Amino acid sequence: MTTATVYTTNTCPYCTMMTNYLKEQNIPFEEVNVQVDVKAAQKLVAETGEMGVPQTKLNGQWIFGFNPDAVQAVLNK
């Protein structure tokens, strides 16, 4: 089963593009707004070393930014 978590902020257009893409592809995901959830933001930076969003954890693999090709590559593994 595919599992995805997308880390976003309120003002990030690429975050919206990523969540819309996942919806269009019928990929279920959980959205975590790191602008609201400071602990999630700290955990994210500790795990990935990256502060930018969107960051998507898809089937255990990290995808940075809005990157449909990377999403498809993970799904095709």
C-alpha atoms as a PDB file:
ATOM      1  CA  MET A   1       0.000   0.000   0.000  1.00  0.00           C
ATOM      2  CA  THR A   2       1.214   3.486  -0.868  1.00  0.00           C
ATOM      3  CA  THR A   3       1.783   5.814   2.056  1.00  0.00           C
ATOM      4  CA  ALA A   4       2.552   9.507   1.642  1.00  0.00           C
ATOM      5  CA  THR A   5       3.009  12.454   3.970  1.00  0.00           C
ATOM      6  CA  VAL A   6       3.373  15.959   2.543  1.00  0.00           C
ATOM      7  CA  TYR A   7       4.918  18.665   4.719  1.00  0.00           C
ATOM      8  CA  THR A   8       3.558  22.087   3.745  1.00  0.00           C
ATOM      9  CA  THR A   9       3.042  25.723   4.766  1.00  0.00           C
ATOM     10  CA  ASN A  10       0.111  28.051   4.181  1.00  0.00           C
ATOM     11  CA  THR A  11       1.955  30.257   1.683  1.00  0.00           C
ATOM     12  CA  CYS A  12       3.751  27.669  -0.477  1.00  0.00           C
ATOM     13  CA  PRO A  13       2.420  27.414  -4.051  1.00  0.00           C
ATOM     14  CA  TYR A  14       4.538  24.297  -4.724  1.00  0.00           C
ATOM     15  CA  CYS A  15       2.925  22.598  -1.723  1.00  0.00           C
ATOM     16  CA  THR A  16      -0.491  23.132  -3.306  1.00  0.00           C
ATOM     17  CA  MET A  17       0.824  21.818  -6.612  1.00  0.00           C
ATOM     18  CA  MET A  18       2.147  18.675  -4.895  1.00  0.00           C
ATOM     19  CA  THR A  19      -1.057  17.955  -2.946  1.00  0.00           C
ATOM     20  CA  ASN A  20      -3.157  18.566  -6.080  1.00  0.00           C
ATOM     21  CA  TYR A  21      -0.906  16.218  -8.072  1.00  0.00           C
ATOM     22  CA  LEU A  22      -1.238  13.453  -5.481  1.00  0.00           C
ATOM     23  CA  LYS A  23      -5.030  13.897  -5.505  1.00  0.00           C
ATOM     24  CA  GLU A  24      -5.090  13.722  -9.323  1.00  0.00           C
ATOM     25  CA  GLN A  25      -3.033  10.504  -9.176  1.00  0.00           C
ATOM     26  CA  ASN A  26      -5.361   9.047  -6.503  1.00  0.00           C
ATOM     27  CA  ILE A  27      -2.451   8.713  -4.079  1.00  0.00           C
ATOM     28  CA  PRO A  28      -3.703   8.931  -0.482  1.00  0.00           C
ATOM     29  CA  PHE A  29      -1.648  11.271   1.677  1.00  0.00           C
ATOM     30  CA  GLU A  30      -1.530  12.991   5.023  1.00  0.00           C
ATOM     31  CA  GLU A  31      -0.735  16.707   5.021  1.00  0.00           C
ATOM     32  CA  VAL A  32       1.310  18.171   7.870  1.00  0.00           C
ATOM     33  CA  ASN A  33       1.416  21.977   8.005  1.00  0.00           C
ATOM     34  CA  VAL A  34       4.793  22.811   9.543  1.00  0.00           C
ATOM     35  CA  GLN A  35       3.804  26.467   9.799  1.00  0.00           C
ATOM     36  CA  VAL A  36       1.214  25.434  12.412  1.00  0.00           C
ATOM     37  CA  ASP A  37       2.938  22.365  13.886  1.00  0.00           C
ATOM     38  CA  VAL A  38       6.321  23.560  15.171  1.00  0.00           C
ATOM     39  CA  LYS A  39       7.262  20.139  16.571  1.00  0.00           C
ATOM     40  CA  ALA A  40       6.652  18.537  13.173  1.00  0.00           C
ATOM     41  CA  ALA A  41       8.816  21.245  11.579  1.00  0.00           C
ATOM     42  CA  GLN A  42      11.674  20.528  13.989  1.00  0.00           C
ATOM     43  CA  LYS A  43      11.357  16.770  13.429  1.00  0.00           C
ATOM     44  CA  LEU A  44      11.344  17.285   9.651  1.00  0.00           C
ATOM     45  CA  VAL A  45      14.538  19.366   9.671  1.00  0.00           C
ATOM     46  CA  ALA A  46      16.198  16.863  12.034  1.00  0.00           C
ATOM     47  CA  GLU A  47      15.306  13.949   9.730  1.00  0.00           C
ATOM     48  CA  THR A  48      16.058  15.500   6.322  1.00  0.00           C
ATOM     49  CA  GLY A  49      18.375  18.419   7.050  1.00  0.00           C
ATOM     50  CA  GLU A  50      16.165  20.529   4.761  1.00  0.00           C
ATOM     51  CA  MET A  51      14.024  23.505   5.740  1.00  0.00           C
ATOM     52  CA  GLY A  52      12.176  24.053   2.464  1.00  0.00           C
ATOM     53  CA  VAL A  53       8.737  22.740   1.577  1.00  0.00           C
ATOM     54  CA  PRO A  54       7.098  20.785   0.164  1.00  0.00           C
ATOM     55  CA  GLN A  55       8.836  17.696   1.400  1.00  0.00           C
ATOM     56  CA  THR A  56       7.015  14.476   0.683  1.00  0.00           C
ATOM     57  CA  LYS A  57       7.749  11.119   2.269  1.00  0.00           C
ATOM     58  CA  LEU A  58       6.438   8.532  -0.170  1.00  0.00           C
ATOM     59  CA  ASN A  59       6.816   4.834   0.642  1.00  0.00           C
ATOM     60  CA  GLY A  60       9.741   5.708   2.928  1.00  0.00           C
ATOM     61  CA  GLN A  61      11.570   7.861   0.326  1.00  0.00           C
ATOM     62  CA  TRP A  62      11.949  11.655   0.519  1.00  0.00           C
ATOM     63  CA  ILE A  63      10.993  13.887  -2.408  1.00  0.00           C
ATOM     64  CA  PHE A  64      11.946  17.564  -2.190  1.00  0.00           C
ATOM     65  CA  GLY A  65       9.875  20.229  -3.892  1.00  0.00           C
ATOM     66  CA  PHE A  66       7.166  19.654  -6.484  1.00  0.00           C
ATOM     67  CA  ASN A  67       8.603  16.776  -8.498  1.00  0.00           C
ATOM     68  CA  PRO A  68       6.064  14.553 -10.316  1.00  0.00           C
ATOM     69  CA  ASP A  69       8.881  12.566 -11.977  1.00  0.00           C
ATOM     70  CA  ALA A  70      10.293  11.610  -8.570  1.00  0.00           C
ATOM     71  CA  VAL A  71       6.807  10.600  -7.369  1.00  0.00           C
ATOM     72  CA  GLN A  72       6.395   8.305 -10.380  1.00  0.00           C
ATOM     73  CA  ALA A  73       9.915   6.890  -9.922  1.00  0.00           C
ATOM     74  CA  VAL A  74       9.141   5.914  -6.312  1.00  0.00           C
ATOM     75  CA  LEU A  75       5.785   4.414  -7.294  1.00  0.00           C
ATOM     76  CA  ASN A  76       7.371   2.383 -10.110  1.00  0.00           C
ATOM     77  CA  LYS A  77       9.949   0.709  -7.834  1.00  0.00           C
END
